[in-house]
Each structure stands twice: as structure tokens, then as C-alpha cells.
Amino acid sequence: MRRLTQKQKQEIAAKGDADIDFSDIPLKLDWSRAEIGKFYRPPKKSVTMRLDADILKWLKGFGKGYQTRVNLLLRHAMMTASGRPRTRSRRAS
């Protein structure tokens, strides 16, 4: 796809909402099969983790994306663990 020229950008910017032709876009009002959170991704946080060498070798043996695999394995363990995930809270002394 080619980039727009400066003239084309100006023409698009000059159009108002009423000038836009939506006739080729079907109107979709049936949301009964919509899935809530289908594309939601929890925010990631960078951490440093020390793993045994054989575990790291095994994870990397599947190819690229070993950090994603670690995340999936930990998520699976969290979801299948009995009870809720525990969090530690610090109390002011």
C-alpha cells in the first residue's frame, strides 16, 4: 500500500463526518455472538528470573518464544491450583 500524498491527506482532513460514504460497510446490529474480552491482553511486567539450566534448555528447545511459554505454564499452574492465588500484603508496623 502506498503512502498518501500531502494533497490527499489535506483532502481527507477537510471532509466532515457527513461527507464520508459508509454505503459499502454493512450495518451490524446483532451483537448476540460477541465475546467479551476476546482480545484483552493483561499488561506485562518485566522481571528477572533465575531458572535451572536444564529447565531453560528444555524451554528453548521448542524454538523462539520461551518467555511466552514460561508465562503460559505459570498461568496454567495458577488457574489449576486449588483456591485463589495468594498475595502477600505488608502491614504497617
C-alpha atoms as a PDB file:
ATOM      1  CA  MET A   1       0.000   0.000   0.000  1.00  0.00           C
ATOM      2  CA  ARG A   2       1.380   3.381  -0.999  1.00  0.00           C
ATOM      3  CA  ARG A   3       1.606   6.343   1.338  1.00  0.00           C
ATOM      4  CA  LEU A   4      -0.820   9.199   0.906  1.00  0.00           C
ATOM      5  CA  THR A   5       0.433  12.370  -0.680  1.00  0.00           C
ATOM      6  CA  GLN A   6       0.229  15.648   1.204  1.00  0.00           C
ATOM      7  CA  LYS A   7      -2.654  16.719  -1.079  1.00  0.00           C
ATOM      8  CA  GLN A   8      -4.595  13.511  -0.336  1.00  0.00           C
ATOM      9  CA  LYS A   9      -4.069  13.995   3.410  1.00  0.00           C
ATOM     10  CA  GLN A  10      -5.421  17.544   3.166  1.00  0.00           C
ATOM     11  CA  GLU A  11      -8.474  16.372   1.199  1.00  0.00           C
ATOM     12  CA  ILE A  12      -9.268  13.730   3.805  1.00  0.00           C
ATOM     13  CA  ALA A  13      -8.778  16.172   6.678  1.00  0.00           C
ATOM     14  CA  ALA A  14     -11.129  18.676   5.014  1.00  0.00           C
ATOM     15  CA  LYS A  15     -14.031  16.206   4.885  1.00  0.00           C
ATOM     16  CA  GLY A  16     -16.642  16.297   7.581  1.00  0.00           C
ATOM     17  CA  ASP A  17     -18.414  13.266   9.049  1.00  0.00           C
ATOM     18  CA  ALA A  18     -21.438  13.854   6.805  1.00  0.00           C
ATOM     19  CA  ASP A  19     -19.208  13.656   3.706  1.00  0.00           C
ATOM     20  CA  ILE A  20     -17.972  10.117   4.430  1.00  0.00           C
ATOM     21  CA  ASP A  21     -19.657   7.381   2.378  1.00  0.00           C
ATOM     22  CA  PHE A  22     -20.430   4.340   4.556  1.00  0.00           C
ATOM     23  CA  SER A  23     -22.657   2.629   1.964  1.00  0.00           C
ATOM     24  CA  ASP A  24     -20.161  -0.180   1.313  1.00  0.00           C
ATOM     25  CA  ILE A  25     -19.925  -1.077   5.013  1.00  0.00           C
ATOM     26  CA  PRO A  26     -22.688  -3.417   6.238  1.00  0.00           C
ATOM     27  CA  LEU A  27     -24.576  -2.268   9.315  1.00  0.00           C
ATOM     28  CA  LYS A  28     -24.115  -4.881  12.046  1.00  0.00           C
ATOM     29  CA  LEU A  29     -26.535  -4.622  14.937  1.00  0.00           C
ATOM     30  CA  ASP A  30     -26.621  -8.248  16.146  1.00  0.00           C
ATOM     31  CA  TRP A  31     -24.104  -8.476  18.989  1.00  0.00           C
ATOM     32  CA  SER A  32     -25.509 -11.753  20.389  1.00  0.00           C
ATOM     33  CA  ARG A  33     -22.405 -13.745  19.432  1.00  0.00           C
ATOM     34  CA  ALA A  34     -19.920 -11.115  20.607  1.00  0.00           C
ATOM     35  CA  GLU A  35     -17.274 -12.281  23.053  1.00  0.00           C
ATOM     36  CA  ILE A  36     -16.331 -10.014  25.919  1.00  0.00           C
ATOM     37  CA  GLY A  37     -12.597  -9.709  26.430  1.00  0.00           C
ATOM     38  CA  LYS A  38     -11.643 -11.819  23.408  1.00  0.00           C
ATOM     39  CA  PHE A  39      -8.756  -9.536  22.507  1.00  0.00           C
ATOM     40  CA  TYR A  40      -7.883  -8.425  26.037  1.00  0.00           C
ATOM     41  CA  ARG A  41      -4.271  -8.960  26.994  1.00  0.00           C
ATOM     42  CA  PRO A  42      -3.220  -8.420  30.584  1.00  0.00           C
ATOM     43  CA  PRO A  43      -0.432  -5.890  30.984  1.00  0.00           C
ATOM     44  CA  LYS A  44       3.052  -7.393  31.092  1.00  0.00           C
ATOM     45  CA  LYS A  45       5.740  -6.570  33.588  1.00  0.00           C
ATOM     46  CA  SER A  46       9.440  -7.147  33.042  1.00  0.00           C
ATOM     47  CA  VAL A  47      11.053  -9.380  35.682  1.00  0.00           C
ATOM     48  CA  THR A  48      14.347 -11.143  36.210  1.00  0.00           C
ATOM     49  CA  MET A  49      14.030 -14.844  36.960  1.00  0.00           C
ATOM     50  CA  ARG A  50      16.673 -17.437  37.728  1.00  0.00           C
ATOM     51  CA  LEU A  51      15.931 -20.860  36.216  1.00  0.00           C
ATOM     52  CA  ASP A  52      17.844 -24.119  36.365  1.00  0.00           C
ATOM     53  CA  ALA A  53      19.980 -24.629  33.253  1.00  0.00           C
ATOM     54  CA  ASP A  54      18.176 -27.829  32.239  1.00  0.00           C
ATOM     55  CA  ILE A  55      14.764 -26.139  32.509  1.00  0.00           C
ATOM     56  CA  LEU A  56      15.923 -23.234  30.343  1.00  0.00           C
ATOM     57  CA  LYS A  57      17.420 -25.641  27.789  1.00  0.00           C
ATOM     58  CA  TRP A  58      14.126 -27.554  27.649  1.00  0.00           C
ATOM     59  CA  LEU A  59      12.091 -24.347  27.173  1.00  0.00           C
ATOM     60  CA  LYS A  60      14.416 -23.043  24.456  1.00  0.00           C
ATOM     61  CA  GLY A  61      14.351 -26.457  22.759  1.00  0.00           C
ATOM     62  CA  PHE A  62      10.875 -25.707  21.401  1.00  0.00           C
ATOM     63  CA  GLY A  63      12.187 -22.709  19.431  1.00  0.00           C
ATOM     64  CA  LYS A  64      11.562 -18.999  19.760  1.00  0.00           C
ATOM     65  CA  GLY A  65       9.247 -17.672  22.435  1.00  0.00           C
ATOM     66  CA  TYR A  66      10.476 -19.429  25.549  1.00  0.00           C
ATOM     67  CA  GLN A  67       9.420 -16.484  27.736  1.00  0.00           C
ATOM     68  CA  THR A  68       5.877 -16.763  26.387  1.00  0.00           C
ATOM     69  CA  ARG A  69       5.959 -20.489  27.192  1.00  0.00           C
ATOM     70  CA  VAL A  70       7.065 -19.728  30.765  1.00  0.00           C
ATOM     71  CA  ASN A  71       4.135 -17.313  31.062  1.00  0.00           C
ATOM     72  CA  LEU A  72       1.680 -19.911  29.706  1.00  0.00           C
ATOM     73  CA  LEU A  73       2.993 -22.623  32.023  1.00  0.00           C
ATOM     74  CA  LEU A  74       2.736 -20.336  35.044  1.00  0.00           C
ATOM     75  CA  ARG A  75      -0.755 -19.194  34.035  1.00  0.00           C
ATOM     76  CA  HIS A  76      -1.866 -22.822  33.674  1.00  0.00           C
ATOM     77  CA  ALA A  77      -0.447 -23.635  37.114  1.00  0.00           C
ATOM     78  CA  MET A  78      -2.203 -20.597  38.574  1.00  0.00           C
ATOM     79  CA  MET A  79      -5.563 -21.469  37.007  1.00  0.00           C
ATOM     80  CA  THR A  80      -5.474 -25.131  38.039  1.00  0.00           C
ATOM     81  CA  ALA A  81      -4.217 -24.534  41.581  1.00  0.00           C
ATOM     82  CA  SER A  82      -6.769 -25.145  44.274  1.00  0.00           C
ATOM     83  CA  GLY A  83      -8.142 -21.974  45.769  1.00  0.00           C
ATOM     84  CA  ARG A  84      -7.420 -18.414  44.775  1.00  0.00           C
ATOM     85  CA  PRO A  85      -3.941 -17.102  44.061  1.00  0.00           C
ATOM     86  CA  ARG A  86      -2.469 -15.791  47.274  1.00  0.00           C
ATOM     87  CA  THR A  87      -0.939 -12.376  47.567  1.00  0.00           C
ATOM     88  CA  ARG A  88       1.181 -11.107  50.398  1.00  0.00           C
ATOM     89  CA  SER A  89       0.306  -7.829  51.966  1.00  0.00           C
ATOM     90  CA  ARG A  90       2.684  -5.731  54.003  1.00  0.00           C
ATOM     91  CA  ARG A  91       1.260  -4.383  57.164  1.00  0.00           C
ATOM     92  CA  ALA A  92       2.477  -1.114  58.612  1.00  0.00           C
ATOM     93  CA  SER A  93       4.115  -1.824  61.960  1.00  0.00           C
END
